[in-house]
Amino acid sequence: MKTSTKATNSIRPNFEHRLSSTGFDNCIDLVNTIDLMTTRANGVLHAILMQFLGGASQSRLSDDIMIGLIDSAIQEINDIESTTRAFAAIKNPR
């Protein structure tokens, strides 16, 4: 009888490329990282906004694309929350 084994190696992607290249040594590094994140989220939200400002004559993005845009903004905001929590944990260890 063959038994199934659960894989012990899980995929853990590295997302450091999405963070400030200077790291998180001080508050300026955190501000730079959050600035990049908010710029990305603002870009996504402006793309959504343009869909509603163009009027009925403008072609619209598909619902799937709109859902992807909204999810992208939500995930970026979640990344900001996670980043600030991580920074606070480093600066204020318990």
N, C-alpha and C. Protein backbone atom coordinates (compact mmCIF):
# COMPACT_ATOMS: atom_id res chain seq x y z
N MET A 1 0.85 -1.17 0.00
CA MET A 1 0.00 0.00 0.00
C MET A 1 0.90 1.24 0.00
N LYS A 2 0.55 2.17 -0.84
CA LYS A 2 1.32 3.40 -0.97
C LYS A 2 0.68 4.50 -0.11
N THR A 3 1.47 5.11 0.72
CA THR A 3 0.95 6.19 1.55
C THR A 3 1.36 7.53 0.95
N SER A 4 0.49 8.47 1.06
CA SER A 4 0.83 9.80 0.55
C SER A 4 1.62 10.57 1.60
N THR A 5 2.55 11.34 1.12
CA THR A 5 3.34 12.17 2.03
C THR A 5 3.11 13.61 1.69
N LYS A 6 3.01 14.39 2.69
CA LYS A 6 2.81 15.82 2.50
C LYS A 6 4.17 16.47 2.23
N ALA A 7 4.21 17.31 1.24
CA ALA A 7 5.47 17.99 0.91
C ALA A 7 5.87 18.90 2.07
N THR A 8 7.13 18.80 2.46
CA THR A 8 7.61 19.61 3.57
C THR A 8 8.15 20.96 3.08
N ASN A 9 8.43 21.06 1.80
CA ASN A 9 8.93 22.32 1.25
C ASN A 9 7.76 23.11 0.69
N SER A 10 7.56 24.29 1.20
CA SER A 10 6.51 25.14 0.67
C SER A 10 7.14 26.30 -0.09
N ILE A 11 6.41 26.83 -1.01
CA ILE A 11 6.90 27.94 -1.81
C ILE A 11 6.86 29.21 -0.97
N ARG A 12 7.97 29.90 -0.92
CA ARG A 12 8.08 31.14 -0.16
C ARG A 12 8.75 32.19 -1.04
N PRO A 13 7.95 32.87 -1.87
CA PRO A 13 8.55 33.86 -2.75
C PRO A 13 9.15 35.03 -1.98
N ASN A 14 10.15 35.65 -2.56
CA ASN A 14 10.81 36.80 -1.97
C ASN A 14 10.26 38.06 -2.64
N PHE A 15 9.64 38.93 -1.88
CA PHE A 15 9.04 40.15 -2.42
C PHE A 15 9.86 41.39 -2.09
N GLU A 16 11.14 41.23 -1.79
CA GLU A 16 11.98 42.37 -1.45
C GLU A 16 12.06 43.38 -2.59
N HIS A 17 11.86 42.94 -3.83
CA HIS A 17 11.93 43.85 -4.96
C HIS A 17 10.81 44.89 -4.92
N ARG A 18 9.76 44.63 -4.15
CA ARG A 18 8.65 45.57 -4.04
C ARG A 18 8.85 46.58 -2.91
N LEU A 19 9.92 46.43 -2.16
CA LEU A 19 10.18 47.30 -1.03
C LEU A 19 11.29 48.28 -1.36
N SER A 20 11.46 49.28 -0.53
CA SER A 20 12.54 50.24 -0.71
C SER A 20 13.87 49.50 -0.76
N SER A 21 14.69 49.87 -1.73
CA SER A 21 15.96 49.17 -1.90
C SER A 21 16.93 49.44 -0.75
N THR A 22 16.64 50.45 0.06
CA THR A 22 17.53 50.79 1.16
C THR A 22 17.25 49.97 2.41
N GLY A 23 16.17 49.24 2.46
CA GLY A 23 15.85 48.43 3.64
C GLY A 23 15.04 49.21 4.66
N PHE A 24 15.10 48.76 5.89
CA PHE A 24 14.28 49.34 6.95
C PHE A 24 15.11 49.69 8.17
N ASP A 25 16.14 50.46 7.99
CA ASP A 25 16.99 50.80 9.13
C ASP A 25 16.43 51.95 9.96
N ASN A 26 15.63 52.80 9.34
CA ASN A 26 15.12 53.96 10.07
C ASN A 26 13.78 54.40 9.50
N CYS A 27 13.23 55.44 10.07
CA CYS A 27 11.91 55.92 9.65
C CYS A 27 11.90 56.41 8.20
N ILE A 28 12.99 57.00 7.74
CA ILE A 28 13.05 57.47 6.35
C ILE A 28 12.91 56.29 5.39
N ASP A 29 13.54 55.16 5.70
CA ASP A 29 13.40 53.97 4.87
C ASP A 29 11.96 53.50 4.82
N LEU A 30 11.29 53.53 5.97
CA LEU A 30 9.88 53.14 6.02
C LEU A 30 9.04 54.10 5.18
N VAL A 31 9.29 55.39 5.31
CA VAL A 31 8.54 56.39 4.53
C VAL A 31 8.75 56.17 3.04
N ASN A 32 9.99 55.90 2.62
CA ASN A 32 10.27 55.66 1.21
C ASN A 32 9.53 54.43 0.69
N THR A 33 9.50 53.38 1.49
CA THR A 33 8.81 52.16 1.09
C THR A 33 7.32 52.39 0.99
N ILE A 34 6.74 53.04 1.99
CA ILE A 34 5.30 53.30 1.96
C ILE A 34 4.95 54.25 0.82
N ASP A 35 5.82 55.19 0.51
CA ASP A 35 5.59 56.09 -0.62
C ASP A 35 5.46 55.29 -1.92
N LEU A 36 6.34 54.32 -2.13
CA LEU A 36 6.25 53.46 -3.32
C LEU A 36 4.95 52.68 -3.34
N MET A 37 4.56 52.16 -2.19
CA MET A 37 3.34 51.36 -2.11
C MET A 37 2.09 52.21 -2.36
N THR A 38 2.05 53.40 -1.79
CA THR A 38 0.88 54.26 -1.98
C THR A 38 0.81 54.77 -3.42
N THR A 39 1.95 54.99 -4.05
CA THR A 39 1.96 55.39 -5.45
C THR A 39 1.35 54.30 -6.32
N ARG A 40 1.71 53.05 -6.06
CA ARG A 40 1.13 51.93 -6.82
C ARG A 40 -0.37 51.84 -6.58
N ALA A 41 -0.80 51.92 -5.32
CA ALA A 41 -2.24 51.83 -5.02
C ALA A 41 -3.00 52.98 -5.65
N ASN A 42 -2.44 54.20 -5.60
CA ASN A 42 -3.10 55.35 -6.22
C ASN A 42 -3.23 55.17 -7.73
N GLY A 43 -2.21 54.62 -8.36
CA GLY A 43 -2.27 54.37 -9.79
C GLY A 43 -3.39 53.42 -10.16
N VAL A 44 -3.54 52.37 -9.39
CA VAL A 44 -4.62 51.40 -9.62
C VAL A 44 -5.98 52.06 -9.42
N LEU A 45 -6.13 52.80 -8.34
CA LEU A 45 -7.41 53.44 -8.06
C LEU A 45 -7.76 54.50 -9.10
N HIS A 46 -6.76 55.21 -9.62
CA HIS A 46 -7.03 56.18 -10.68
C HIS A 46 -7.45 55.48 -11.97
N ALA A 47 -6.90 54.31 -12.25
CA ALA A 47 -7.33 53.54 -13.42
C ALA A 47 -8.81 53.16 -13.30
N ILE A 48 -9.23 52.79 -12.10
CA ILE A 48 -10.64 52.47 -11.87
C ILE A 48 -11.49 53.73 -12.02
N LEU A 49 -11.04 54.82 -11.42
CA LEU A 49 -11.78 56.08 -11.49
C LEU A 49 -12.00 56.53 -12.93
N MET A 50 -11.01 56.38 -13.78
CA MET A 50 -11.13 56.80 -15.17
C MET A 50 -12.24 56.06 -15.91
N GLN A 51 -12.55 54.86 -15.46
CA GLN A 51 -13.64 54.10 -16.07
C GLN A 51 -14.99 54.76 -15.85
N PHE A 52 -15.11 55.49 -14.76
CA PHE A 52 -16.39 56.10 -14.43
C PHE A 52 -16.49 57.56 -14.86
N LEU A 53 -15.36 58.19 -15.17
CA LEU A 53 -15.36 59.58 -15.59
C LEU A 53 -15.51 59.75 -17.10
N GLY A 54 -15.30 58.68 -17.84
CA GLY A 54 -15.31 58.76 -19.30
C GLY A 54 -16.68 58.86 -19.93
N GLY A 55 -17.71 58.57 -19.18
CA GLY A 55 -19.06 58.63 -19.74
C GLY A 55 -19.42 57.35 -20.47
N ALA A 56 -20.65 57.30 -20.97
CA ALA A 56 -21.17 56.09 -21.61
C ALA A 56 -20.49 55.80 -22.93
N SER A 57 -19.94 56.82 -23.59
CA SER A 57 -19.33 56.61 -24.91
C SER A 57 -17.95 55.96 -24.83
N GLN A 58 -17.33 56.00 -23.67
CA GLN A 58 -15.99 55.41 -23.51
C GLN A 58 -16.11 53.90 -23.32
N SER A 59 -15.23 53.16 -23.97
CA SER A 59 -15.25 51.71 -23.77
C SER A 59 -14.80 51.40 -22.35
N ARG A 60 -15.38 50.37 -21.78
CA ARG A 60 -15.10 50.00 -20.39
C ARG A 60 -14.25 48.76 -20.32
N LEU A 61 -13.46 48.67 -19.26
CA LEU A 61 -12.69 47.46 -18.99
C LEU A 61 -13.66 46.35 -18.56
N SER A 62 -13.27 45.12 -18.79
CA SER A 62 -14.13 44.00 -18.41
C SER A 62 -14.24 43.91 -16.89
N ASP A 63 -15.27 43.22 -16.44
CA ASP A 63 -15.45 43.02 -15.00
C ASP A 63 -14.24 42.29 -14.40
N ASP A 64 -13.69 41.32 -15.13
CA ASP A 64 -12.52 40.59 -14.62
C ASP A 64 -11.33 41.53 -14.40
N ILE A 65 -11.12 42.45 -15.32
CA ILE A 65 -10.02 43.41 -15.16
C ILE A 65 -10.31 44.35 -14.00
N MET A 66 -11.54 44.80 -13.87
CA MET A 66 -11.91 45.69 -12.76
C MET A 66 -11.71 44.98 -11.43
N ILE A 67 -12.10 43.72 -11.36
CA ILE A 67 -11.91 42.95 -10.13
C ILE A 67 -10.42 42.83 -9.82
N GLY A 68 -9.61 42.59 -10.84
CA GLY A 68 -8.16 42.52 -10.64
C GLY A 68 -7.59 43.82 -10.15
N LEU A 69 -8.07 44.95 -10.68
CA LEU A 69 -7.60 46.26 -10.23
C LEU A 69 -7.96 46.50 -8.77
N ILE A 70 -9.21 46.21 -8.42
CA ILE A 70 -9.66 46.41 -7.04
C ILE A 70 -8.86 45.53 -6.09
N ASP A 71 -8.67 44.25 -6.46
CA ASP A 71 -7.89 43.34 -5.62
C ASP A 71 -6.45 43.82 -5.48
N SER A 72 -5.90 44.35 -6.54
CA SER A 72 -4.53 44.86 -6.49
C SER A 72 -4.40 46.00 -5.48
N ALA A 73 -5.35 46.91 -5.48
CA ALA A 73 -5.32 48.02 -4.52
C ALA A 73 -5.48 47.51 -3.09
N ILE A 74 -6.38 46.56 -2.90
CA ILE A 74 -6.58 45.99 -1.56
C ILE A 74 -5.30 45.31 -1.07
N GLN A 75 -4.67 44.52 -1.94
CA GLN A 75 -3.44 43.83 -1.55
C GLN A 75 -2.31 44.81 -1.25
N GLU A 76 -2.24 45.90 -2.01
CA GLU A 76 -1.21 46.91 -1.75
C GLU A 76 -1.42 47.53 -0.37
N ILE A 77 -2.66 47.82 -0.03
CA ILE A 77 -2.97 48.38 1.29
C ILE A 77 -2.64 47.36 2.38
N ASN A 78 -2.94 46.09 2.14
CA ASN A 78 -2.56 45.04 3.10
C ASN A 78 -1.05 44.97 3.26
N ASP A 79 -0.31 45.15 2.16
CA ASP A 79 1.15 45.16 2.23
C ASP A 79 1.65 46.33 3.08
N ILE A 80 1.01 47.48 2.95
CA ILE A 80 1.39 48.64 3.76
C ILE A 80 1.18 48.34 5.24
N GLU A 81 0.02 47.77 5.57
CA GLU A 81 -0.25 47.41 6.97
C GLU A 81 0.79 46.42 7.50
N SER A 82 1.10 45.41 6.70
CA SER A 82 2.08 44.41 7.11
C SER A 82 3.46 45.03 7.29
N THR A 83 3.83 45.92 6.40
CA THR A 83 5.14 46.58 6.48
C THR A 83 5.26 47.44 7.72
N THR A 84 4.22 48.20 8.03
CA THR A 84 4.28 49.06 9.22
C THR A 84 4.29 48.23 10.49
N ARG A 85 3.55 47.10 10.50
CA ARG A 85 3.58 46.22 11.67
C ARG A 85 4.98 45.62 11.87
N ALA A 86 5.60 45.19 10.76
CA ALA A 86 6.94 44.61 10.86
C ALA A 86 7.95 45.64 11.36
N PHE A 87 7.84 46.86 10.86
CA PHE A 87 8.74 47.93 11.30
C PHE A 87 8.54 48.22 12.79
N ALA A 88 7.29 48.30 13.21
CA ALA A 88 7.00 48.57 14.62
C ALA A 88 7.51 47.43 15.50
N ALA A 89 7.42 46.20 15.03
CA ALA A 89 7.89 45.06 15.82
C ALA A 89 9.40 45.09 15.99
N ILE A 90 10.10 45.56 14.97
CA ILE A 90 11.56 45.66 15.06
C ILE A 90 11.96 46.80 15.99
N LYS A 91 11.29 47.92 15.89
CA LYS A 91 11.63 49.10 16.68
C LYS A 91 11.15 49.03 18.12
N ASN A 92 10.08 48.25 18.36
CA ASN A 92 9.51 48.14 19.71
C ASN A 92 9.33 46.67 20.09
N PRO A 93 10.43 45.93 20.21
CA PRO A 93 10.28 44.51 20.55
C PRO A 93 9.70 44.34 21.95
N ARG A 94 8.92 43.32 22.11
CA ARG A 94 8.29 43.05 23.42
C ARG A 94 9.05 42.02 24.16
